[in-house]
Amino acid sequence: MKNVLFILLLLPAFSSAAQYSQYKRTPPTPEDALRSLKTGDDDAAVVVLRQIYEERPAAELDAFAAALEELYLNGTEQEYRTARWALFSAGLEGGSGTRYARAMDVLIRMYESIKDQPGHPKAIMTLSAIKGTGGIAYMRRILETSEKPPRCVLVPDPYRDPALPPENVCPNKST
């Protein structure tokens, strides 16, 4: 069941060029795509980054990705979510157009700017996007170098750990 759910979540990212056919006649510019992102539509940004209908210079793509990073850091919740999703979609293997090879690097910079909030949904979803764009080694490095929390238990068992102090009960779990 988990695999089916995961596949369903990724289907929009692997969609065909038919999804983006509205842009075929007049491909969006990065400026058009930024305006669309602010309304919650990430399709134009994916079309630009994946160069589905026209090639763009690497410098232009990098500047657009930097604008997405700025939206992620300083935009509304809707803007940061669509900016992250656009970079994630652009960085996936397969699908229409050309994969934006530096998507993972931008996502890592985005995560690095908020990593002091490790439990924040923004940080968690960004780590997920990094993993999805090929950042397994980065994820492993984070896990290996992070400070390990003290041992905790979901519900203290007085027979196994009679001396376990209450502060060792796992956070965010009621006892």
C-alpha atoms as a PDB file:
ATOM      1  CA  MET A   1       0.000   0.000   0.000  1.00  0.00           C
ATOM      2  CA  LYS A   2       2.870   2.391   0.843  1.00  0.00           C
ATOM      3  CA  ASN A   3       4.425   1.833  -2.591  1.00  0.00           C
ATOM      4  CA  VAL A   4       1.148   2.613  -4.325  1.00  0.00           C
ATOM      5  CA  LEU A   5       0.764   5.842  -2.332  1.00  0.00           C
ATOM      6  CA  PHE A   6       4.357   6.858  -3.113  1.00  0.00           C
ATOM      7  CA  ILE A   7       3.823   6.215  -6.818  1.00  0.00           C
ATOM      8  CA  LEU A   8       0.587   8.206  -6.792  1.00  0.00           C
ATOM      9  CA  LEU A   9       2.386  11.130  -5.155  1.00  0.00           C
ATOM     10  CA  LEU A  10       5.072  11.124  -7.863  1.00  0.00           C
ATOM     11  CA  LEU A  11       2.758  10.757 -10.853  1.00  0.00           C
ATOM     12  CA  PRO A  12       2.334  14.515 -11.376  1.00  0.00           C
ATOM     13  CA  ALA A  13       6.107  14.897 -11.614  1.00  0.00           C
ATOM     14  CA  PHE A  14       6.362  12.212 -14.294  1.00  0.00           C
ATOM     15  CA  SER A  15       3.513  13.478 -16.397  1.00  0.00           C
ATOM     16  CA  SER A  16       3.813  13.813 -20.131  1.00  0.00           C
ATOM     17  CA  ALA A  17       4.218  16.916 -22.238  1.00  0.00           C
ATOM     18  CA  ALA A  18       0.427  16.844 -22.723  1.00  0.00           C
ATOM     19  CA  GLN A  19       0.088  18.340 -19.235  1.00  0.00           C
ATOM     20  CA  TYR A  20       2.118  21.317 -20.385  1.00  0.00           C
ATOM     21  CA  SER A  21       0.586  21.616 -23.881  1.00  0.00           C
ATOM     22  CA  GLN A  22      -0.952  25.005 -23.033  1.00  0.00           C
ATOM     23  CA  TYR A  23       2.607  26.385 -23.134  1.00  0.00           C
ATOM     24  CA  LYS A  24       3.583  24.842 -26.479  1.00  0.00           C
ATOM     25  CA  ARG A  25       2.525  27.770 -28.661  1.00  0.00           C
ATOM     26  CA  THR A  26       4.016  30.389 -26.343  1.00  0.00           C
ATOM     27  CA  PRO A  27       6.497  28.897 -23.848  1.00  0.00           C
ATOM     28  CA  PRO A  28       6.554  30.758 -20.536  1.00  0.00           C
ATOM     29  CA  THR A  29       9.404  33.036 -19.602  1.00  0.00           C
ATOM     30  CA  PRO A  30      10.929  32.801 -16.131  1.00  0.00           C
ATOM     31  CA  GLU A  31       8.957  35.963 -15.252  1.00  0.00           C
ATOM     32  CA  ASP A  32       5.693  34.314 -16.360  1.00  0.00           C
ATOM     33  CA  ALA A  33       6.574  31.253 -14.315  1.00  0.00           C
ATOM     34  CA  LEU A  34       7.246  33.325 -11.174  1.00  0.00           C
ATOM     35  CA  ARG A  35       3.857  35.022 -11.541  1.00  0.00           C
ATOM     36  CA  SER A  36       2.214  31.595 -11.903  1.00  0.00           C
ATOM     37  CA  LEU A  37       4.022  30.271  -8.833  1.00  0.00           C
ATOM     38  CA  LYS A  38       2.554  33.045  -6.735  1.00  0.00           C
ATOM     39  CA  THR A  39      -0.915  31.721  -7.591  1.00  0.00           C
ATOM     40  CA  GLY A  40       0.048  28.146  -6.683  1.00  0.00           C
ATOM     41  CA  ASP A  41       0.651  26.894 -10.241  1.00  0.00           C
ATOM     42  CA  ASP A  42       4.069  25.295 -10.677  1.00  0.00           C
ATOM     43  CA  ASP A  43       3.584  23.989 -14.241  1.00  0.00           C
ATOM     44  CA  ALA A  44       5.149  27.025 -15.932  1.00  0.00           C
ATOM     45  CA  ALA A  45       8.206  26.798 -13.655  1.00  0.00           C
ATOM     46  CA  VAL A  46       8.646  23.122 -14.523  1.00  0.00           C
ATOM     47  CA  VAL A  47       8.329  23.945 -18.243  1.00  0.00           C
ATOM     48  CA  VAL A  48      11.070  26.575 -17.886  1.00  0.00           C
ATOM     49  CA  LEU A  49      13.466  24.496 -15.754  1.00  0.00           C
ATOM     50  CA  ARG A  50      13.030  21.285 -17.750  1.00  0.00           C
ATOM     51  CA  GLN A  51      13.221  23.244 -21.027  1.00  0.00           C
ATOM     52  CA  ILE A  52      10.224  21.341 -22.363  1.00  0.00           C
ATOM     53  CA  TYR A  53       9.515  23.623 -25.324  1.00  0.00           C
ATOM     54  CA  GLU A  54      12.672  25.687 -25.693  1.00  0.00           C
ATOM     55  CA  GLU A  55      16.279  25.538 -24.562  1.00  0.00           C
ATOM     56  CA  ARG A  56      17.567  28.206 -22.237  1.00  0.00           C
ATOM     57  CA  PRO A  57      21.106  29.202 -21.246  1.00  0.00           C
ATOM     58  CA  ALA A  58      22.367  27.637 -18.023  1.00  0.00           C
ATOM     59  CA  ALA A  59      22.832  31.099 -16.492  1.00  0.00           C
ATOM     60  CA  GLU A  60      19.155  31.910 -17.094  1.00  0.00           C
ATOM     61  CA  LEU A  61      18.050  28.629 -15.520  1.00  0.00           C
ATOM     62  CA  ASP A  62      20.318  29.204 -12.527  1.00  0.00           C
ATOM     63  CA  ALA A  63      18.984  32.751 -12.076  1.00  0.00           C
ATOM     64  CA  PHE A  64      15.431  31.411 -12.202  1.00  0.00           C
ATOM     65  CA  ALA A  65      16.292  28.697  -9.658  1.00  0.00           C
ATOM     66  CA  ALA A  66      17.758  31.429  -7.405  1.00  0.00           C
ATOM     67  CA  ALA A  67      14.446  33.316  -7.692  1.00  0.00           C
ATOM     68  CA  LEU A  68      12.643  30.126  -6.639  1.00  0.00           C
ATOM     69  CA  GLU A  69      15.023  29.833  -3.698  1.00  0.00           C
ATOM     70  CA  GLU A  70      14.173  33.412  -2.708  1.00  0.00           C
ATOM     71  CA  LEU A  71      10.442  32.584  -2.840  1.00  0.00           C
ATOM     72  CA  TYR A  72      11.093  29.520  -0.724  1.00  0.00           C
ATOM     73  CA  LEU A  73      12.918  31.533   1.913  1.00  0.00           C
ATOM     74  CA  ASN A  74      10.765  34.670   2.000  1.00  0.00           C
ATOM     75  CA  GLY A  75       7.482  33.835   0.288  1.00  0.00           C
ATOM     76  CA  THR A  76       4.138  32.750   1.631  1.00  0.00           C
ATOM     77  CA  GLU A  77       3.471  29.127   2.504  1.00  0.00           C
ATOM     78  CA  GLN A  78       1.895  28.545  -0.913  1.00  0.00           C
ATOM     79  CA  GLU A  79       4.883  30.154  -2.664  1.00  0.00           C
ATOM     80  CA  TYR A  80       7.508  28.141  -0.812  1.00  0.00           C
ATOM     81  CA  ARG A  81       5.589  24.912  -1.399  1.00  0.00           C
ATOM     82  CA  THR A  82       5.184  25.492  -5.135  1.00  0.00           C
ATOM     83  CA  ALA A  83       8.800  26.659  -5.490  1.00  0.00           C
ATOM     84  CA  ARG A  84      10.038  23.497  -3.754  1.00  0.00           C
ATOM     85  CA  TRP A  85       7.717  21.292  -5.828  1.00  0.00           C
ATOM     86  CA  ALA A  86       8.844  22.928  -9.080  1.00  0.00           C
ATOM     87  CA  LEU A  87      12.508  22.269  -8.256  1.00  0.00           C
ATOM     88  CA  PHE A  88      11.713  18.725  -7.173  1.00  0.00           C
ATOM     89  CA  SER A  89       9.787  18.042 -10.408  1.00  0.00           C
ATOM     90  CA  ALA A  90      12.517  19.631 -12.520  1.00  0.00           C
ATOM     91  CA  GLY A  91      15.207  17.509 -10.854  1.00  0.00           C
ATOM     92  CA  LEU A  92      13.601  14.103 -11.311  1.00  0.00           C
ATOM     93  CA  GLU A  93      14.899  11.585 -13.816  1.00  0.00           C
ATOM     94  CA  GLY A  94      12.533  10.853 -16.684  1.00  0.00           C
ATOM     95  CA  GLY A  95       9.497  12.840 -17.697  1.00  0.00           C
ATOM     96  CA  SER A  96       9.253  15.516 -20.368  1.00  0.00           C
ATOM     97  CA  GLY A  97      12.118  17.799 -21.305  1.00  0.00           C
ATOM     98  CA  THR A  98      15.581  17.803 -19.823  1.00  0.00           C
ATOM     99  CA  ARG A  99      16.199  17.225 -16.134  1.00  0.00           C
ATOM    100  CA  TYR A 100      17.490  20.380 -14.400  1.00  0.00           C
ATOM    101  CA  ALA A 101      20.759  18.940 -13.093  1.00  0.00           C
ATOM    102  CA  ARG A 102      21.339  21.570 -10.393  1.00  0.00           C
ATOM    103  CA  ALA A 103      17.910  21.157  -8.764  1.00  0.00           C
ATOM    104  CA  MET A 104      19.350  19.077  -5.935  1.00  0.00           C
ATOM    105  CA  ASP A 105      22.043  21.692  -5.234  1.00  0.00           C
ATOM    106  CA  VAL A 106      19.409  24.420  -4.955  1.00  0.00           C
ATOM    107  CA  LEU A 107      17.233  22.234  -2.722  1.00  0.00           C
ATOM    108  CA  ILE A 108      20.247  21.546  -0.483  1.00  0.00           C
ATOM    109  CA  ARG A 109      20.939  25.290  -0.192  1.00  0.00           C
ATOM    110  CA  MET A 110      17.296  25.797   0.677  1.00  0.00           C
ATOM    111  CA  TYR A 111      17.460  23.127   3.383  1.00  0.00           C
ATOM    112  CA  GLU A 112      20.774  24.450   4.733  1.00  0.00           C
ATOM    113  CA  SER A 113      19.145  27.849   5.262  1.00  0.00           C
ATOM    114  CA  ILE A 114      16.449  26.357   7.522  1.00  0.00           C
ATOM    115  CA  LYS A 115      18.165  23.298   9.016  1.00  0.00           C
ATOM    116  CA  ASP A 116      18.048  24.863  12.483  1.00  0.00           C
ATOM    117  CA  GLN A 117      14.329  23.984  12.424  1.00  0.00           C
ATOM    118  CA  PRO A 118      14.716  20.186  11.962  1.00  0.00           C
ATOM    119  CA  GLY A 119      11.169  19.226  12.969  1.00  0.00           C
ATOM    120  CA  HIS A 120       9.538  21.954  10.911  1.00  0.00           C
ATOM    121  CA  PRO A 121       7.414  20.563   8.042  1.00  0.00           C
ATOM    122  CA  LYS A 122       9.263  22.861   5.633  1.00  0.00           C
ATOM    123  CA  ALA A 123      12.580  21.209   6.545  1.00  0.00           C
ATOM    124  CA  ILE A 124      11.154  17.685   6.435  1.00  0.00           C
ATOM    125  CA  MET A 125       9.561  18.129   3.012  1.00  0.00           C
ATOM    126  CA  THR A 126      12.716  19.740   1.640  1.00  0.00           C
ATOM    127  CA  LEU A 127      14.774  16.761   2.803  1.00  0.00           C
ATOM    128  CA  SER A 128      12.287  14.518   1.041  1.00  0.00           C
ATOM    129  CA  ALA A 129      12.691  16.541  -2.166  1.00  0.00           C
ATOM    130  CA  ILE A 130      16.492  16.327  -1.872  1.00  0.00           C
ATOM    131  CA  LYS A 131      16.273  12.550  -1.555  1.00  0.00           C
ATOM    132  CA  GLY A 132      13.940  12.370  -4.554  1.00  0.00           C
ATOM    133  CA  THR A 133      16.342  14.281  -6.780  1.00  0.00           C
ATOM    134  CA  GLY A 134      19.278  11.992  -6.036  1.00  0.00           C
ATOM    135  CA  GLY A 135      20.553  13.294  -2.713  1.00  0.00           C
ATOM    136  CA  ILE A 136      20.909   9.959  -0.930  1.00  0.00           C
ATOM    137  CA  ALA A 137      24.578  10.623  -0.059  1.00  0.00           C
ATOM    138  CA  TYR A 138      23.635  14.031   1.393  1.00  0.00           C
ATOM    139  CA  MET A 139      20.892  12.440   3.497  1.00  0.00           C
ATOM    140  CA  ARG A 140      23.315   9.778   4.756  1.00  0.00           C
ATOM    141  CA  ARG A 141      25.854  12.467   5.717  1.00  0.00           C
ATOM    142  CA  ILE A 142      23.197  14.373   7.681  1.00  0.00           C
ATOM    143  CA  LEU A 143      22.152  11.252   9.558  1.00  0.00           C
ATOM    144  CA  GLU A 144      25.710  10.190  10.308  1.00  0.00           C
ATOM    145  CA  THR A 145      26.856  13.602  11.541  1.00  0.00           C
ATOM    146  CA  SER A 146      23.774  14.708  13.430  1.00  0.00           C
ATOM    147  CA  GLU A 147      23.624  14.632  17.185  1.00  0.00           C
ATOM    148  CA  LYS A 148      21.843  11.526  18.373  1.00  0.00           C
ATOM    149  CA  PRO A 149      18.997  12.179  20.804  1.00  0.00           C
ATOM    150  CA  PRO A 150      19.028  10.398  24.148  1.00  0.00           C
ATOM    151  CA  ARG A 151      17.337   7.026  24.307  1.00  0.00           C
ATOM    152  CA  CYS A 152      13.624   7.353  24.876  1.00  0.00           C
ATOM    153  CA  VAL A 153      10.596   5.111  25.081  1.00  0.00           C
ATOM    154  CA  LEU A 154       7.099   5.672  23.773  1.00  0.00           C
ATOM    155  CA  VAL A 155       5.465   4.505  26.998  1.00  0.00           C
ATOM    156  CA  PRO A 156       7.662   3.725  30.001  1.00  0.00           C
ATOM    157  CA  ASP A 157       7.543   0.067  31.055  1.00  0.00           C
ATOM    158  CA  PRO A 158       8.020  -0.079  34.843  1.00  0.00           C
ATOM    159  CA  TYR A 159       9.028  -3.746  34.619  1.00  0.00           C
ATOM    160  CA  ARG A 160      11.825  -3.210  32.050  1.00  0.00           C
ATOM    161  CA  ASP A 161      13.007   0.281  32.986  1.00  0.00           C
ATOM    162  CA  PRO A 162      11.815   1.021  36.510  1.00  0.00           C
ATOM    163  CA  ALA A 163      14.333   3.845  36.950  1.00  0.00           C
ATOM    164  CA  LEU A 164      13.679   5.560  33.596  1.00  0.00           C
ATOM    165  CA  PRO A 165      13.109   9.219  34.394  1.00  0.00           C
ATOM    166  CA  PRO A 166      10.042  10.930  32.894  1.00  0.00           C
ATOM    167  CA  GLU A 167      12.218  13.149  30.668  1.00  0.00           C
ATOM    168  CA  ASN A 168      13.189  10.040  28.699  1.00  0.00           C
ATOM    169  CA  VAL A 169       9.674   9.606  27.403  1.00  0.00           C
ATOM    170  CA  CYS A 170       9.757  10.312  23.666  1.00  0.00           C
ATOM    171  CA  PRO A 171       8.671  13.832  22.771  1.00  0.00           C
ATOM    172  CA  ASN A 172       5.313  14.458  21.092  1.00  0.00           C
ATOM    173  CA  LYS A 173       3.870  11.256  22.538  1.00  0.00           C
ATOM    174  CA  SER A 174       1.364  11.239  25.353  1.00  0.00           C
ATOM    175  CA  THR A 175       1.902   8.837  28.240  1.00  0.00           C
END
